[in-house]
Structure formats: C-alpha cells, structure tokens
Amino acid sequence: MDSSSPFSGPVLEDRARLLKKVVWVVTILVLGLVVMMRSPYKIPVSAEVKDLISYLPRVVAGINTLVSACLLAGLWSIFRKAHRAHQRWMTTALALSAIFLVCYVTYHFTTVETKFGDFDGDRTVSDEEKAMVGSARVVYLVILITHIIAAAVSFPFILLTFVHAWTRDFAKHRKLAPKVFVVWLYVAITGPVCYWMLKDYYPMREAEWEQSLNAPGDRE
C-alpha cells in the first residue's frame, strides 16, 4: 500500500481511546432501551401511526436479510483482498443495522409483544395452544433466545471491530473480526427466521381484519 492509502500509517491511538469510550456508552444506552421496551406499558400512538408501525416486523426482517447479504459480500471481498469493497460492504451492514435498531425499538416501545402459539391473540399462550404448536415452540424459543443473547453480547464487539479499522489498528481488527463476523451473521440470519416463524401470530391490521370478516365463505 502506498503512503496515501487510508489503510496505511500509524495507529490513531487518541482517536481509538475516544471511540472505545463512545462504544461502551452507546452499548449501555442501547441495552438499557432494550430492557425498557420489554415493559408492558407502551407509548400510545394514533390508529394511523399504529397501522404504519404494524409493518415494521417485516421491514426489520428484510433489513436483517440485507445485512446478511452485505456480510457475506464483505467476506467474499476480503478473501479476494479487495479491501475497499470489503470496507464498503461492512460499513453498509453497520448502517443497515443502525436502521434496524431504530425500527426495532420503535416497534417494541409502541406494541405489545407477540407470542409464538398465541392463536387467539389474547397475549398469553394457554396449555391448549402450547399443545397445538408442539415442539415448534421449543425450536422457536431456542432460536429466539440464542438470537437475543448473541445480539446483546456481540453488539459492543461489532462496534469495536469497526473502531480498530477506523483507527488503523488492523492487527486487533484481524484478530477480533473473524469471531465477531460469525456471531453477527448468526444474528442477522436468525432474525428473519424468528419473524418467519412468528408472522402468523402478529395481530391483524384493522383493514385486514375487516377484509377477513367480509370474505365469502369465512363466516356462516
């Protein structure tokens, strides 16, 4: 690499120290928001806004799918030693993840949690409903729990991996990136899987409900 390359030069230690502090502050704030949004008390919104928010689960699933594609493209780029392309793909994955986080927090701060197997939409899963879904609920919960744990644990380390790259500490970047990549990719893939398994239990939007009531043959 020539001396003008952004990938050459000394490690930017002062910037690294500052950015690492920012990483941990952001991590604490984000994890705090995630804990708070699990409260049963939700921010009231108008019917029109709630209707729009109801689309967010499929939006975040789509965003996570794009993140997975960017991560794989970034991996392919680094195998080909296309460092600029790798940088672009990984930065795009980070930007998409930030958009995902905003959508995810918005949805959960305004909408009661949907439960797997809640056929009647009463926000609880009865013994009868558990029997109806059988082992599928166990599979879903295993994927969901590992997804949540992996997302929480990997979050600061994803940011630190970027900090190492942004501050030209490529020795630390190369050491941390392979471990972080595997977990990040797992999170990005299992997110849409959880949505796909849960999608039949999301509450109907008002227009869809009225349409289902008026559909011929659905009611005697």
Protein backbone atom coordinates (compact mmCIF):
# COMPACT_ATOMS: atom_id res chain seq x y z
CA MET A 1 0.00 0.00 0.00
CA ASP A 2 1.23 3.47 -0.74
CA SER A 3 1.60 6.12 1.97
CA SER A 4 -1.57 7.92 0.83
CA SER A 5 -3.76 4.87 1.42
CA PRO A 6 -6.21 5.09 4.33
CA PHE A 7 -5.11 1.55 5.20
CA SER A 8 -1.52 2.61 5.88
CA GLY A 9 0.04 4.76 8.55
CA PRO A 10 0.31 4.61 12.34
CA VAL A 11 -2.44 3.55 14.69
CA LEU A 12 -4.58 6.54 15.71
CA GLU A 13 -4.35 5.85 19.42
CA ASP A 14 -6.02 9.03 20.73
CA ARG A 15 -8.98 8.53 18.40
CA ALA A 16 -9.16 4.87 19.40
CA ARG A 17 -9.36 5.69 23.10
CA LEU A 18 -12.16 8.19 22.48
CA LEU A 19 -14.14 5.88 20.20
CA LYS A 20 -13.86 2.97 22.64
CA LYS A 21 -15.45 5.11 25.33
CA VAL A 22 -18.21 6.03 22.89
CA VAL A 23 -18.75 2.34 22.12
CA TRP A 24 -19.38 1.45 25.75
CA VAL A 25 -21.64 4.46 26.35
CA VAL A 26 -23.70 3.55 23.25
CA THR A 27 -23.81 -0.10 24.35
CA ILE A 28 -25.16 0.79 27.79
CA LEU A 29 -27.77 3.12 26.27
CA VAL A 30 -28.93 0.57 23.69
CA LEU A 31 -29.11 -2.32 26.14
CA GLY A 32 -30.99 -0.03 28.53
CA LEU A 33 -33.51 0.75 25.79
CA VAL A 34 -33.92 -2.96 25.03
CA VAL A 35 -34.69 -3.67 28.70
CA MET A 36 -37.12 -0.74 28.92
CA MET A 37 -39.05 -1.72 25.80
CA ARG A 38 -39.94 -5.06 27.42
CA SER A 39 -42.19 -3.17 29.82
CA PRO A 40 -45.93 -3.92 29.40
CA TYR A 41 -46.53 -0.16 29.29
CA LYS A 42 -46.37 1.12 25.72
CA ILE A 43 -46.25 4.59 24.20
CA PRO A 44 -49.76 5.40 22.90
CA VAL A 45 -49.95 6.32 19.22
CA SER A 46 -52.78 7.15 16.84
CA ALA A 47 -54.50 4.44 14.81
CA GLU A 48 -52.84 5.72 11.63
CA VAL A 49 -49.37 5.58 13.15
CA LYS A 50 -50.05 2.17 14.68
CA ASP A 51 -51.12 0.91 11.26
CA LEU A 52 -47.77 2.01 9.83
CA ILE A 53 -45.84 0.57 12.76
CA SER A 54 -47.53 -2.80 12.16
CA TYR A 55 -45.38 -3.15 9.02
CA LEU A 56 -42.12 -2.87 10.97
CA PRO A 57 -41.63 -6.58 11.79
CA ARG A 58 -41.44 -7.45 8.08
CA VAL A 59 -39.30 -4.35 7.47
CA VAL A 60 -36.74 -5.35 10.10
CA ALA A 61 -36.72 -8.91 8.76
CA GLY A 62 -35.96 -7.52 5.31
CA ILE A 63 -33.22 -5.28 6.71
CA ASN A 64 -31.61 -8.22 8.50
CA THR A 65 -31.68 -10.20 5.27
CA LEU A 66 -29.82 -7.35 3.55
CA VAL A 67 -27.33 -7.25 6.44
CA SER A 68 -26.65 -10.96 5.91
CA ALA A 69 -26.04 -10.35 2.21
CA CYS A 70 -23.67 -7.46 2.97
CA LEU A 71 -21.73 -9.53 5.49
CA LEU A 72 -21.28 -12.37 3.00
CA ALA A 73 -20.26 -9.92 0.29
CA GLY A 74 -17.77 -8.36 2.72
CA LEU A 75 -16.36 -11.79 3.49
CA TRP A 76 -16.00 -12.58 -0.20
CA SER A 77 -14.29 -9.24 -0.77
CA ILE A 78 -11.70 -9.80 1.94
CA PHE A 79 -10.98 -13.29 0.57
CA ARG A 80 -10.23 -11.58 -2.75
CA LYS A 81 -8.15 -8.94 -0.89
CA ALA A 82 -10.49 -6.25 -2.23
CA HIS A 83 -10.11 -4.07 0.85
CA ARG A 84 -12.08 -1.08 -0.44
CA ALA A 85 -15.04 -3.28 -1.38
CA HIS A 86 -14.81 -5.03 1.99
CA GLN A 87 -14.90 -1.67 3.74
CA ARG A 88 -17.97 -0.57 1.77
CA TRP A 89 -19.91 -3.79 2.35
CA MET A 90 -19.20 -3.89 6.07
CA THR A 91 -19.99 -0.20 6.53
CA THR A 92 -23.28 -0.75 4.67
CA ALA A 93 -24.04 -3.67 7.01
CA LEU A 94 -23.40 -1.41 10.00
CA ALA A 95 -25.61 1.37 8.60
CA LEU A 96 -28.44 -1.08 7.89
CA SER A 97 -28.09 -2.45 11.42
CA ALA A 98 -28.49 1.07 12.80
CA ILE A 99 -31.70 1.50 10.76
CA PHE A 100 -32.87 -1.90 12.01
CA LEU A 101 -32.27 -0.83 15.62
CA VAL A 102 -34.38 2.32 15.21
CA CYS A 103 -37.25 0.32 13.67
CA TYR A 104 -36.97 -2.45 16.27
CA VAL A 105 -37.04 -0.07 19.24
CA THR A 106 -39.89 1.95 17.71
CA TYR A 107 -42.00 -1.18 17.26
CA HIS A 108 -41.42 -2.58 20.75
CA PHE A 109 -41.93 0.73 22.54
CA THR A 110 -45.37 1.06 20.95
CA THR A 111 -46.60 -2.51 20.50
CA VAL A 112 -47.25 -5.35 22.94
CA GLU A 113 -45.06 -8.40 22.36
CA THR A 114 -46.41 -11.12 20.08
CA LYS A 115 -46.08 -14.64 21.48
CA PHE A 116 -45.48 -17.80 19.47
CA GLY A 117 -48.56 -20.03 19.61
CA ASP A 118 -50.97 -17.27 20.66
CA PHE A 119 -53.71 -18.29 18.24
CA ASP A 120 -56.50 -16.24 19.83
CA GLY A 121 -54.42 -13.06 20.20
CA ASP A 122 -55.05 -12.66 23.95
CA ARG A 123 -51.30 -12.11 24.58
CA THR A 124 -50.96 -15.37 26.53
CA VAL A 125 -50.20 -18.90 25.39
CA SER A 126 -52.51 -21.39 27.11
CA ASP A 127 -51.70 -25.05 27.70
CA GLU A 128 -54.05 -25.93 24.85
CA GLU A 129 -52.24 -23.58 22.48
CA LYS A 130 -48.86 -24.99 23.56
CA ALA A 131 -50.16 -28.47 22.78
CA MET A 132 -51.32 -27.29 19.35
CA VAL A 133 -47.89 -25.95 18.32
CA GLY A 134 -45.99 -28.79 19.97
CA SER A 135 -42.20 -28.89 19.64
CA ALA A 136 -42.22 -25.98 17.17
CA ARG A 137 -42.49 -23.62 20.14
CA VAL A 138 -39.35 -25.11 21.71
CA VAL A 139 -37.48 -24.72 18.42
CA TYR A 140 -38.66 -21.10 18.14
CA LEU A 141 -37.67 -20.25 21.71
CA VAL A 142 -34.21 -21.79 21.30
CA ILE A 143 -33.60 -19.76 18.14
CA LEU A 144 -35.03 -16.60 19.73
CA ILE A 145 -33.07 -16.86 22.98
CA THR A 146 -29.77 -17.61 21.25
CA HIS A 147 -30.50 -14.76 18.82
CA ILE A 148 -31.09 -12.30 21.67
CA ILE A 149 -28.02 -13.41 23.65
CA ALA A 150 -25.79 -13.33 20.56
CA ALA A 151 -27.08 -9.86 19.61
CA ALA A 152 -26.51 -8.44 23.10
CA VAL A 153 -23.05 -9.96 23.54
CA SER A 154 -21.80 -9.14 20.04
CA PHE A 155 -23.07 -5.54 19.90
CA PRO A 156 -20.09 -3.78 21.55
CA PHE A 157 -17.59 -6.05 19.83
CA ILE A 158 -19.06 -5.30 16.40
CA LEU A 159 -18.50 -1.61 17.13
CA LEU A 160 -15.00 -2.25 18.49
CA THR A 161 -14.11 -4.15 15.33
CA PHE A 162 -15.04 -1.06 13.32
CA VAL A 163 -13.11 1.17 15.73
CA HIS A 164 -9.98 -0.91 15.16
CA ALA A 165 -10.39 -0.48 11.40
CA TRP A 166 -11.21 3.23 11.58
CA THR A 167 -8.13 3.86 13.73
CA ARG A 168 -5.87 1.70 11.53
CA ASP A 169 -5.23 -0.87 14.26
CA PHE A 170 -5.50 -3.69 11.76
CA ALA A 171 -3.69 -6.23 13.96
CA LYS A 172 -6.52 -6.02 16.51
CA HIS A 173 -9.10 -5.77 13.72
CA ARG A 174 -7.92 -9.01 12.09
CA LYS A 175 -7.83 -10.77 15.46
CA LEU A 176 -11.35 -9.78 16.51
CA ALA A 177 -13.19 -9.67 13.16
CA PRO A 178 -13.45 -13.45 12.44
CA LYS A 179 -15.07 -14.16 15.82
CA VAL A 180 -17.42 -11.19 15.59
CA PHE A 181 -18.36 -11.99 11.99
CA VAL A 182 -19.67 -15.46 12.82
CA VAL A 183 -21.87 -14.19 15.65
CA TRP A 184 -23.09 -11.15 13.68
CA LEU A 185 -24.02 -13.34 10.72
CA TYR A 186 -25.88 -15.72 13.05
CA VAL A 187 -27.85 -12.79 14.48
CA ALA A 188 -28.63 -11.42 11.01
CA ILE A 189 -29.85 -14.82 9.74
CA THR A 190 -31.86 -15.89 12.79
CA GLY A 191 -33.70 -12.54 12.93
CA PRO A 192 -35.70 -13.22 9.74
CA VAL A 193 -36.11 -16.87 10.80
CA CYS A 194 -37.77 -15.72 14.04
CA TYR A 195 -40.03 -13.37 12.06
CA TRP A 196 -40.98 -16.12 9.61
CA MET A 197 -41.89 -18.48 12.47
CA LEU A 198 -43.86 -15.77 14.33
CA LYS A 199 -45.56 -13.97 11.46
CA ASP A 200 -48.83 -15.90 11.64
CA TYR A 201 -49.35 -14.71 15.22
CA TYR A 202 -48.95 -10.97 14.62
CA PRO A 203 -52.22 -9.06 15.19
CA MET A 204 -54.12 -8.24 12.03
CA ARG A 205 -54.25 -4.62 11.00
CA GLU A 206 -57.77 -3.17 11.09
CA ALA A 207 -58.21 -3.23 7.31
CA GLU A 208 -57.05 -6.86 7.09
CA TRP A 209 -59.42 -7.83 9.90
CA GLU A 210 -62.41 -6.24 8.17
CA GLN A 211 -61.44 -7.91 4.90
CA SER A 212 -61.24 -11.32 6.59
CA LEU A 213 -64.68 -10.80 8.16
CA ASN A 214 -66.21 -9.89 4.81
CA ALA A 215 -64.51 -12.66 2.82
CA PRO A 216 -67.08 -15.10 1.37
CA GLY A 217 -67.09 -18.50 2.99
CA ASP A 218 -65.19 -17.36 6.12
CA ARG A 219 -68.29 -16.88 8.18
CA GLU A 220 -71.53 -18.92 8.28
